[in-house]
C-alpha atoms as a PDB file:
ATOM      1  CA  UNK A   1     -17.857   2.095  24.946  1.00  0.00           C
ATOM      2  CA  UNK A   2     -20.186   0.163  27.268  1.00  0.00           C
ATOM      3  CA  UNK A   3     -18.621  -3.170  26.320  1.00  0.00           C
ATOM      4  CA  UNK A   4     -15.099  -1.835  26.853  1.00  0.00           C
ATOM      5  CA  UNK A   5     -16.078  -0.454  30.256  1.00  0.00           C
ATOM      6  CA  UNK A   6     -17.841  -3.628  31.365  1.00  0.00           C
ATOM      7  CA  UNK A   7     -14.794  -5.699  30.451  1.00  0.00           C
ATOM      8  CA  UNK A   8     -12.902  -3.946  33.253  1.00  0.00           C
ATOM      9  CA  UNK A   9     -15.594  -4.453  35.900  1.00  0.00           C
ATOM     10  CA  UNK A  10     -14.938  -6.905  38.743  1.00  0.00           C
ATOM     11  CA  UNK A  11     -17.826  -5.957  41.060  1.00  0.00           C
ATOM     12  CA  UNK A  12     -21.431  -4.988  40.362  1.00  0.00           C
ATOM     13  CA  UNK A  13     -23.712  -3.492  43.024  1.00  0.00           C
ATOM     14  CA  UNK A  14     -27.435  -4.019  42.459  1.00  0.00           C
ATOM     15  CA  UNK A  15     -30.646  -3.162  44.246  1.00  0.00           C
ATOM     16  CA  UNK A  16     -33.419  -5.729  44.600  1.00  0.00           C
ATOM     17  CA  UNK A  17     -36.602  -3.867  43.698  1.00  0.00           C
ATOM     18  CA  UNK A  18     -36.793  -3.106  39.999  1.00  0.00           C
ATOM     19  CA  UNK A  19     -33.443  -4.737  39.316  1.00  0.00           C
ATOM     20  CA  UNK A  20     -33.700  -8.401  40.254  1.00  0.00           C
ATOM     21  CA  UNK A  21     -37.478  -7.981  40.346  1.00  0.00           C
ATOM     22  CA  UNK A  22     -39.636  -6.592  37.559  1.00  0.00           C
ATOM     23  CA  UNK A  23     -40.734  -3.594  39.604  1.00  0.00           C
ATOM     24  CA  UNK A  24     -44.429  -4.487  39.582  1.00  0.00           C
ATOM     25  CA  UNK A  25     -46.153  -4.864  42.940  1.00  0.00           C
ATOM     26  CA  UNK A  26     -49.068  -7.191  43.714  1.00  0.00           C
ATOM     27  CA  UNK A  27     -51.124  -7.235  46.901  1.00  0.00           C
ATOM     28  CA  UNK A  28     -51.149 -10.858  48.052  1.00  0.00           C
ATOM     29  CA  UNK A  29     -53.425 -10.286  51.029  1.00  0.00           C
ATOM     30  CA  UNK A  30     -54.085  -8.531  54.322  1.00  0.00           C
ATOM     31  CA  UNK A  31     -53.879 -10.364  57.657  1.00  0.00           C
ATOM     32  CA  UNK A  32     -55.826  -8.619  60.405  1.00  0.00           C
ATOM     33  CA  UNK A  33     -54.790  -8.803  64.041  1.00  0.00           C
ATOM     34  CA  UNK A  34     -56.631 -11.095  66.400  1.00  0.00           C
ATOM     35  CA  UNK A  35     -59.587  -9.395  68.066  1.00  0.00           C
ATOM     36  CA  UNK A  36     -59.684  -6.576  65.529  1.00  0.00           C
ATOM     37  CA  UNK A  37     -62.844  -5.840  63.542  1.00  0.00           C
ATOM     38  CA  UNK A  38     -61.652  -6.706  60.031  1.00  0.00           C
ATOM     39  CA  UNK A  39     -64.238  -4.475  58.344  1.00  0.00           C
ATOM     40  CA  UNK A  40     -63.294  -1.457  60.461  1.00  0.00           C
ATOM     41  CA  UNK A  41     -59.565  -2.091  60.040  1.00  0.00           C
ATOM     42  CA  UNK A  42     -60.019  -2.514  56.283  1.00  0.00           C
ATOM     43  CA  UNK A  43     -61.898   0.788  56.136  1.00  0.00           C
ATOM     44  CA  UNK A  44     -59.079   2.479  58.076  1.00  0.00           C
ATOM     45  CA  UNK A  45     -56.527   1.033  55.651  1.00  0.00           C
ATOM     46  CA  UNK A  46     -58.585   2.361  52.737  1.00  0.00           C
ATOM     47  CA  UNK A  47     -58.772   5.848  54.324  1.00  0.00           C
ATOM     48  CA  UNK A  48     -55.029   5.830  54.886  1.00  0.00           C
ATOM     49  CA  UNK A  49     -54.241   4.804  51.304  1.00  0.00           C
ATOM     50  CA  UNK A  50     -56.673   7.363  49.868  1.00  0.00           C
ATOM     51  CA  UNK A  51     -55.625  10.276  52.086  1.00  0.00           C
ATOM     52  CA  UNK A  52     -51.824  10.190  51.915  1.00  0.00           C
ATOM     53  CA  UNK A  53     -50.408  13.167  50.055  1.00  0.00           C
ATOM     54  CA  UNK A  54     -47.092  11.469  49.329  1.00  0.00           C
ATOM     55  CA  UNK A  55     -47.899   8.620  46.918  1.00  0.00           C
ATOM     56  CA  UNK A  56     -45.799   5.507  46.284  1.00  0.00           C
ATOM     57  CA  UNK A  57     -46.298   2.099  44.680  1.00  0.00           C
ATOM     58  CA  UNK A  58     -47.234   0.482  47.981  1.00  0.00           C
ATOM     59  CA  UNK A  59     -50.049   2.964  48.652  1.00  0.00           C
ATOM     60  CA  UNK A  60     -51.311   2.826  45.077  1.00  0.00           C
ATOM     61  CA  UNK A  61     -51.392  -0.971  45.184  1.00  0.00           C
ATOM     62  CA  UNK A  62     -53.320  -0.953  48.466  1.00  0.00           C
ATOM     63  CA  UNK A  63     -55.719   1.744  47.244  1.00  0.00           C
ATOM     64  CA  UNK A  64     -56.571  -0.341  44.177  1.00  0.00           C
ATOM     65  CA  UNK A  65     -57.712  -3.231  46.399  1.00  0.00           C
ATOM     66  CA  UNK A  66     -59.086  -1.105  49.247  1.00  0.00           C
ATOM     67  CA  UNK A  67     -60.678   1.972  47.644  1.00  0.00           C
ATOM     68  CA  UNK A  68     -61.674   4.656  50.152  1.00  0.00           C
ATOM     69  CA  UNK A  69     -62.633   8.284  50.524  1.00  0.00           C
ATOM     70  CA  UNK A  70     -59.834  10.708  51.296  1.00  0.00           C
ATOM     71  CA  UNK A  71     -60.015  12.544  54.617  1.00  0.00           C
ATOM     72  CA  UNK A  72     -58.578  15.859  55.686  1.00  0.00           C
ATOM     73  CA  UNK A  73     -54.989  15.319  56.842  1.00  0.00           C
ATOM     74  CA  UNK A  74     -53.991  17.092  60.031  1.00  0.00           C
ATOM     75  CA  UNK A  75     -50.373  15.931  59.960  1.00  0.00           C
ATOM     76  CA  UNK A  76     -48.319  13.657  57.740  1.00  0.00           C
ATOM     77  CA  UNK A  77     -44.966  11.894  57.871  1.00  0.00           C
ATOM     78  CA  UNK A  78     -44.128  10.778  54.315  1.00  0.00           C
ATOM     79  CA  UNK A  79     -42.366   7.472  53.784  1.00  0.00           C
ATOM     80  CA  UNK A  80     -38.596   7.652  53.614  1.00  0.00           C
ATOM     81  CA  UNK A  81     -35.918   5.036  53.120  1.00  0.00           C
ATOM     82  CA  UNK A  82     -34.234   6.680  56.102  1.00  0.00           C
ATOM     83  CA  UNK A  83     -36.946   5.850  58.682  1.00  0.00           C
ATOM     84  CA  UNK A  84     -38.973   3.254  56.675  1.00  0.00           C
ATOM     85  CA  UNK A  85     -42.469   4.219  57.811  1.00  0.00           C
ATOM     86  CA  UNK A  86     -45.166   6.774  57.028  1.00  0.00           C
ATOM     87  CA  UNK A  87     -47.935   8.249  59.140  1.00  0.00           C
ATOM     88  CA  UNK A  88     -51.148  10.245  58.872  1.00  0.00           C
ATOM     89  CA  UNK A  89     -53.253  12.090  61.412  1.00  0.00           C
ATOM     90  CA  UNK A  90     -56.718  12.111  59.878  1.00  0.00           C
ATOM     91  CA  UNK A  91     -59.306  14.635  61.018  1.00  0.00           C
ATOM     92  CA  UNK A  92     -63.069  14.781  60.701  1.00  0.00           C
ATOM     93  CA  UNK A  93     -65.823  12.169  60.629  1.00  0.00           C
ATOM     94  CA  UNK A  94     -65.983   8.776  62.251  1.00  0.00           C
ATOM     95  CA  UNK A  95     -62.705   6.948  62.574  1.00  0.00           C
ATOM     96  CA  UNK A  96     -60.559  10.056  63.035  1.00  0.00           C
ATOM     97  CA  UNK A  97     -57.198   8.863  64.310  1.00  0.00           C
ATOM     98  CA  UNK A  98     -53.467   8.596  63.735  1.00  0.00           C
ATOM     99  CA  UNK A  99     -52.270   5.729  61.570  1.00  0.00           C
ATOM    100  CA  UNK A 100     -48.797   4.463  60.753  1.00  0.00           C
ATOM    101  CA  UNK A 101     -47.627   2.044  58.082  1.00  0.00           C
ATOM    102  CA  UNK A 102     -44.091   0.737  57.861  1.00  0.00           C
ATOM    103  CA  UNK A 103     -41.521  -2.003  58.174  1.00  0.00           C
ATOM    104  CA  UNK A 104     -42.581  -4.268  61.079  1.00  0.00           C
ATOM    105  CA  UNK A 105     -39.056  -4.895  62.336  1.00  0.00           C
ATOM    106  CA  UNK A 106     -38.135  -1.203  62.243  1.00  0.00           C
ATOM    107  CA  UNK A 107     -41.301  -0.223  64.128  1.00  0.00           C
ATOM    108  CA  UNK A 108     -40.678  -3.000  66.657  1.00  0.00           C
ATOM    109  CA  UNK A 109     -37.042  -1.981  67.180  1.00  0.00           C
ATOM    110  CA  UNK A 110     -38.213   1.591  67.793  1.00  0.00           C
ATOM    111  CA  UNK A 111     -40.534   0.353  70.550  1.00  0.00           C
ATOM    112  CA  UNK A 112     -43.639   1.439  68.615  1.00  0.00           C
ATOM    113  CA  UNK A 113     -45.079  -1.956  67.710  1.00  0.00           C
ATOM    114  CA  UNK A 114     -45.530  -5.371  69.270  1.00  0.00           C
ATOM    115  CA  UNK A 115     -47.127  -7.940  66.992  1.00  0.00           C
ATOM    116  CA  UNK A 116     -49.527 -10.497  68.488  1.00  0.00           C
ATOM    117  CA  UNK A 117     -48.509 -14.164  67.988  1.00  0.00           C
ATOM    118  CA  UNK A 118     -50.668 -14.711  64.907  1.00  0.00           C
ATOM    119  CA  UNK A 119     -49.270 -11.708  63.046  1.00  0.00           C
ATOM    120  CA  UNK A 120     -45.728 -12.546  64.139  1.00  0.00           C
ATOM    121  CA  UNK A 121     -46.070 -16.013  62.581  1.00  0.00           C
ATOM    122  CA  UNK A 122     -47.552 -14.534  59.412  1.00  0.00           C
ATOM    123  CA  UNK A 123     -44.674 -12.074  59.136  1.00  0.00           C
ATOM    124  CA  UNK A 124     -42.107 -14.859  59.442  1.00  0.00           C
ATOM    125  CA  UNK A 125     -43.868 -17.045  56.862  1.00  0.00           C
ATOM    126  CA  UNK A 126     -44.305 -14.333  54.256  1.00  0.00           C
ATOM    127  CA  UNK A 127     -40.838 -12.802  54.509  1.00  0.00           C
ATOM    128  CA  UNK A 128     -39.303 -16.273  54.276  1.00  0.00           C
ATOM    129  CA  UNK A 129     -41.177 -16.654  50.983  1.00  0.00           C
ATOM    130  CA  UNK A 130     -39.526 -13.475  49.693  1.00  0.00           C
ATOM    131  CA  UNK A 131     -42.569 -11.240  50.034  1.00  0.00           C
ATOM    132  CA  UNK A 132     -42.576  -7.685  51.326  1.00  0.00           C
ATOM    133  CA  UNK A 133     -44.667  -7.154  54.445  1.00  0.00           C
ATOM    134  CA  UNK A 134     -45.702  -3.823  55.962  1.00  0.00           C
ATOM    135  CA  UNK A 135     -47.452  -3.319  59.275  1.00  0.00           C
ATOM    136  CA  UNK A 136     -50.471  -1.052  59.731  1.00  0.00           C
ATOM    137  CA  UNK A 137     -51.413   0.295  63.140  1.00  0.00           C
ATOM    138  CA  UNK A 138     -53.374   2.959  64.990  1.00  0.00           C
ATOM    139  CA  UNK A 139     -52.229   5.350  67.683  1.00  0.00           C
ATOM    140  CA  UNK A 140     -53.670   7.906  70.047  1.00  0.00           C
ATOM    141  CA  UNK A 141     -50.367   9.779  70.094  1.00  0.00           C
ATOM    142  CA  UNK A 142     -49.175  12.555  67.799  1.00  0.00           C
ATOM    143  CA  UNK A 143     -46.773  12.026  64.932  1.00  0.00           C
ATOM    144  CA  UNK A 144     -43.230  13.294  65.581  1.00  0.00           C
ATOM    145  CA  UNK A 145     -42.266  16.634  64.072  1.00  0.00           C
ATOM    146  CA  UNK A 146     -38.903  15.194  62.998  1.00  0.00           C
ATOM    147  CA  UNK A 147     -39.186  11.467  62.148  1.00  0.00           C
ATOM    148  CA  UNK A 148     -35.438  11.266  61.533  1.00  0.00           C
ATOM    149  CA  UNK A 149     -34.755  12.158  65.169  1.00  0.00           C
ATOM    150  CA  UNK A 150     -37.845  10.863  67.023  1.00  0.00           C
ATOM    151  CA  UNK A 151     -39.517   7.455  67.228  1.00  0.00           C
ATOM    152  CA  UNK A 152     -42.933   6.768  65.684  1.00  0.00           C
ATOM    153  CA  UNK A 153     -45.907   6.806  68.066  1.00  0.00           C
ATOM    154  CA  UNK A 154     -46.862   3.676  70.010  1.00  0.00           C
ATOM    155  CA  UNK A 155     -49.220   1.607  67.863  1.00  0.00           C
ATOM    156  CA  UNK A 156     -52.063  -0.817  68.330  1.00  0.00           C
ATOM    157  CA  UNK A 157     -51.491  -3.317  65.495  1.00  0.00           C
ATOM    158  CA  UNK A 158     -54.359  -3.595  63.041  1.00  0.00           C
ATOM    159  CA  UNK A 159     -52.980  -5.632  60.144  1.00  0.00           C
ATOM    160  CA  UNK A 160     -50.094  -6.859  58.043  1.00  0.00           C
ATOM    161  CA  UNK A 161     -50.196  -6.056  54.335  1.00  0.00           C
ATOM    162  CA  UNK A 162     -48.434  -8.687  52.204  1.00  0.00           C
ATOM    163  CA  UNK A 163     -47.010  -7.561  48.852  1.00  0.00           C
ATOM    164  CA  UNK A 164     -45.163  -9.490  46.189  1.00  0.00           C
ATOM    165  CA  UNK A 165     -42.796  -8.615  43.387  1.00  0.00           C
ATOM    166  CA  UNK A 166     -42.119 -10.781  40.348  1.00  0.00           C
ATOM    167  CA  UNK A 167     -38.551 -11.817  39.604  1.00  0.00           C
ATOM    168  CA  UNK A 168     -37.203 -10.700  36.250  1.00  0.00           C
ATOM    169  CA  UNK A 169     -37.232 -13.780  33.980  1.00  0.00           C
ATOM    170  CA  UNK A 170     -33.551 -13.310  33.085  1.00  0.00           C
ATOM    171  CA  UNK A 171     -32.296 -12.478  36.595  1.00  0.00           C
ATOM    172  CA  UNK A 172     -31.012 -15.963  37.473  1.00  0.00           C
ATOM    173  CA  UNK A 173     -29.331 -16.327  34.072  1.00  0.00           C
ATOM    174  CA  UNK A 174     -27.654 -12.932  34.459  1.00  0.00           C
ATOM    175  CA  UNK A 175     -26.360 -13.722  37.952  1.00  0.00           C
ATOM    176  CA  UNK A 176     -25.034 -17.086  36.724  1.00  0.00           C
ATOM    177  CA  UNK A 177     -23.205 -15.355  33.858  1.00  0.00           C
ATOM    178  CA  UNK A 178     -21.658 -12.857  36.260  1.00  0.00           C
ATOM    179  CA  UNK A 179     -20.350 -15.704  38.435  1.00  0.00           C
ATOM    180  CA  UNK A 180     -18.915 -17.472  35.368  1.00  0.00           C
ATOM    181  CA  UNK A 181     -17.081 -14.262  34.469  1.00  0.00           C
ATOM    182  CA  UNK A 182     -15.783 -13.969  38.073  1.00  0.00           C
ATOM    183  CA  UNK A 183     -17.673 -10.727  38.684  1.00  0.00           C
ATOM    184  CA  UNK A 184     -18.647 -10.221  42.327  1.00  0.00           C
ATOM    185  CA  UNK A 185     -22.248  -9.338  43.104  1.00  0.00           C
ATOM    186  CA  UNK A 186     -23.196  -6.996  45.944  1.00  0.00           C
ATOM    187  CA  UNK A 187     -26.956  -6.976  46.562  1.00  0.00           C
ATOM    188  CA  UNK A 188     -27.849  -3.824  48.526  1.00  0.00           C
ATOM    189  CA  UNK A 189     -31.462  -3.355  49.629  1.00  0.00           C
ATOM    190  CA  UNK A 190     -33.517  -1.461  52.174  1.00  0.00           C
ATOM    191  CA  UNK A 191     -35.867  -4.413  52.658  1.00  0.00           C
ATOM    192  CA  UNK A 192     -35.903  -6.939  55.505  1.00  0.00           C
ATOM    193  CA  UNK A 193     -33.256  -9.652  55.764  1.00  0.00           C
ATOM    194  CA  UNK A 194     -35.611 -12.592  55.120  1.00  0.00           C
ATOM    195  CA  UNK A 195     -37.166 -10.924  52.069  1.00  0.00           C
ATOM    196  CA  UNK A 196     -33.832  -9.986  50.500  1.00  0.00           C
ATOM    197  CA  UNK A 197     -32.136 -13.320  51.116  1.00  0.00           C
ATOM    198  CA  UNK A 198     -35.127 -15.250  49.713  1.00  0.00           C
ATOM    199  CA  UNK A 199     -34.941 -13.276  46.472  1.00  0.00           C
ATOM    200  CA  UNK A 200     -31.142 -13.579  46.376  1.00  0.00           C
ATOM    201  CA  UNK A 201     -31.236 -17.356  46.749  1.00  0.00           C
ATOM    202  CA  UNK A 202     -33.995 -17.594  44.120  1.00  0.00           C
ATOM    203  CA  UNK A 203     -31.731 -15.971  41.520  1.00  0.00           C
ATOM    204  CA  UNK A 204     -28.752 -18.168  42.358  1.00  0.00           C
ATOM    205  CA  UNK A 205     -26.778 -16.322  45.023  1.00  0.00           C
ATOM    206  CA  UNK A 206     -25.095 -19.071  47.103  1.00  0.00           C
ATOM    207  CA  UNK A 207     -26.708 -19.744  50.477  1.00  0.00           C
ATOM    208  CA  UNK A 208     -23.338 -19.437  52.194  1.00  0.00           C
ATOM    209  CA  UNK A 209     -22.908 -15.867  50.920  1.00  0.00           C
ATOM    210  CA  UNK A 210     -22.270 -13.360  53.695  1.00  0.00           C
ATOM    211  CA  UNK A 211     -25.266 -11.322  54.897  1.00  0.00           C
ATOM    212  CA  UNK A 212     -25.028  -8.010  56.767  1.00  0.00           C
ATOM    213  CA  UNK A 213     -27.805  -5.759  58.090  1.00  0.00           C
ATOM    214  CA  UNK A 214     -27.567  -1.979  58.116  1.00  0.00           C
ATOM    215  CA  UNK A 215     -27.422  -1.845  61.901  1.00  0.00           C
ATOM    216  CA  UNK A 216     -24.240  -3.952  61.767  1.00  0.00           C
ATOM    217  CA  UNK A 217     -22.351  -1.810  59.256  1.00  0.00           C
ATOM    218  CA  UNK A 218     -19.315  -0.054  60.731  1.00  0.00           C
ATOM    219  CA  UNK A 219     -18.779   3.655  60.092  1.00  0.00           C
ATOM    220  CA  UNK A 220     -14.990   3.474  59.981  1.00  0.00           C
ATOM    221  CA  UNK A 221     -14.048   3.510  56.259  1.00  0.00           C
ATOM    222  CA  UNK A 222     -11.359   0.827  56.528  1.00  0.00           C
ATOM    223  CA  UNK A 223     -13.597  -1.497  58.530  1.00  0.00           C
ATOM    224  CA  UNK A 224     -16.499  -0.817  56.160  1.00  0.00           C
ATOM    225  CA  UNK A 225     -14.289  -1.738  53.208  1.00  0.00           C
ATOM    226  CA  UNK A 226     -13.415  -5.046  54.865  1.00  0.00           C
ATOM    227  CA  UNK A 227     -17.092  -5.854  55.518  1.00  0.00           C
ATOM    228  CA  UNK A 228     -18.097  -4.801  51.997  1.00  0.00           C
ATOM    229  CA  UNK A 229     -15.556  -7.072  50.381  1.00  0.00           C
ATOM    230  CA  UNK A 230     -16.267 -10.063  52.624  1.00  0.00           C
ATOM    231  CA  UNK A 231     -20.058 -10.113  52.183  1.00  0.00           C
ATOM    232  CA  UNK A 232     -22.591 -10.279  49.352  1.00  0.00           C
ATOM    233  CA  UNK A 233     -26.048  -9.385  50.711  1.00  0.00           C
ATOM    234  CA  UNK A 234     -26.712  -6.100  52.503  1.00  0.00           C
ATOM    235  CA  UNK A 235     -30.231  -5.556  53.882  1.00  0.00           C
ATOM    236  CA  UNK A 236     -32.126  -2.847  55.789  1.00  0.00           C
ATOM    237  CA  UNK A 237     -29.630  -0.414  54.294  1.00  0.00           C
ATOM    238  CA  UNK A 238     -30.274   3.337  54.583  1.00  0.00           C
ATOM    239  CA  UNK A 239     -29.488   5.717  51.691  1.00  0.00           C
ATOM    240  CA  UNK A 240     -26.304   7.085  53.267  1.00  0.00           C
ATOM    241  CA  UNK A 241     -25.093   3.534  53.916  1.00  0.00           C
ATOM    242  CA  UNK A 242     -25.765   2.571  50.310  1.00  0.00           C
ATOM    243  CA  UNK A 243     -23.663   5.522  49.181  1.00  0.00           C
ATOM    244  CA  UNK A 244     -20.890   4.563  51.610  1.00  0.00           C
ATOM    245  CA  UNK A 245     -20.864   0.962  50.358  1.00  0.00           C
END
């Protein structure tokens, strides 16, 4: 049944994480902002990773490298593919504050984050290498009650956390076979453009393949269909956009 069905397929849509990559996450390193006390920022990162009620692979990976004691959480914004950041307001003890972790470009576009030159260079280098990078910052403002409708609080950047996924050993071979069989590939991911394209090129997607970011996707169904057919790589895609594609 599966073979019969696949014989009729002319387009396959794939995600990046856990599909082209093996799904395992490794913490490559943490780059602290200039002028920031690395020990204090590392302790804050550990508190954040230990205290979050909503767990994910990113937090678990950070917590393994930066173990910390959980604090009482006054407010929490769990991570979502819709807004691409998470936040905690920690109460009690030294270092009580509001912290946010999320996609650097999304936080910057929302007006919540401005990276200093050193971190900006690091972000460019690591995403170009296909790594996932998240920003970690501190704020004196409250977390929004509705993160889908309100921007994250203004942040003082503390660090960039660099994470890496391993490509599946058969990914490039599979993509090559699909191209031989004239099956179109549509790579749809919520990650940053540089990260997604680096992985795509590593598995054999042509460098002249069309790339579209979520902010550029039209809502009109006919126009969306045209864009979907004409392009191969779709990045910073939200869940509703993935469904629409």
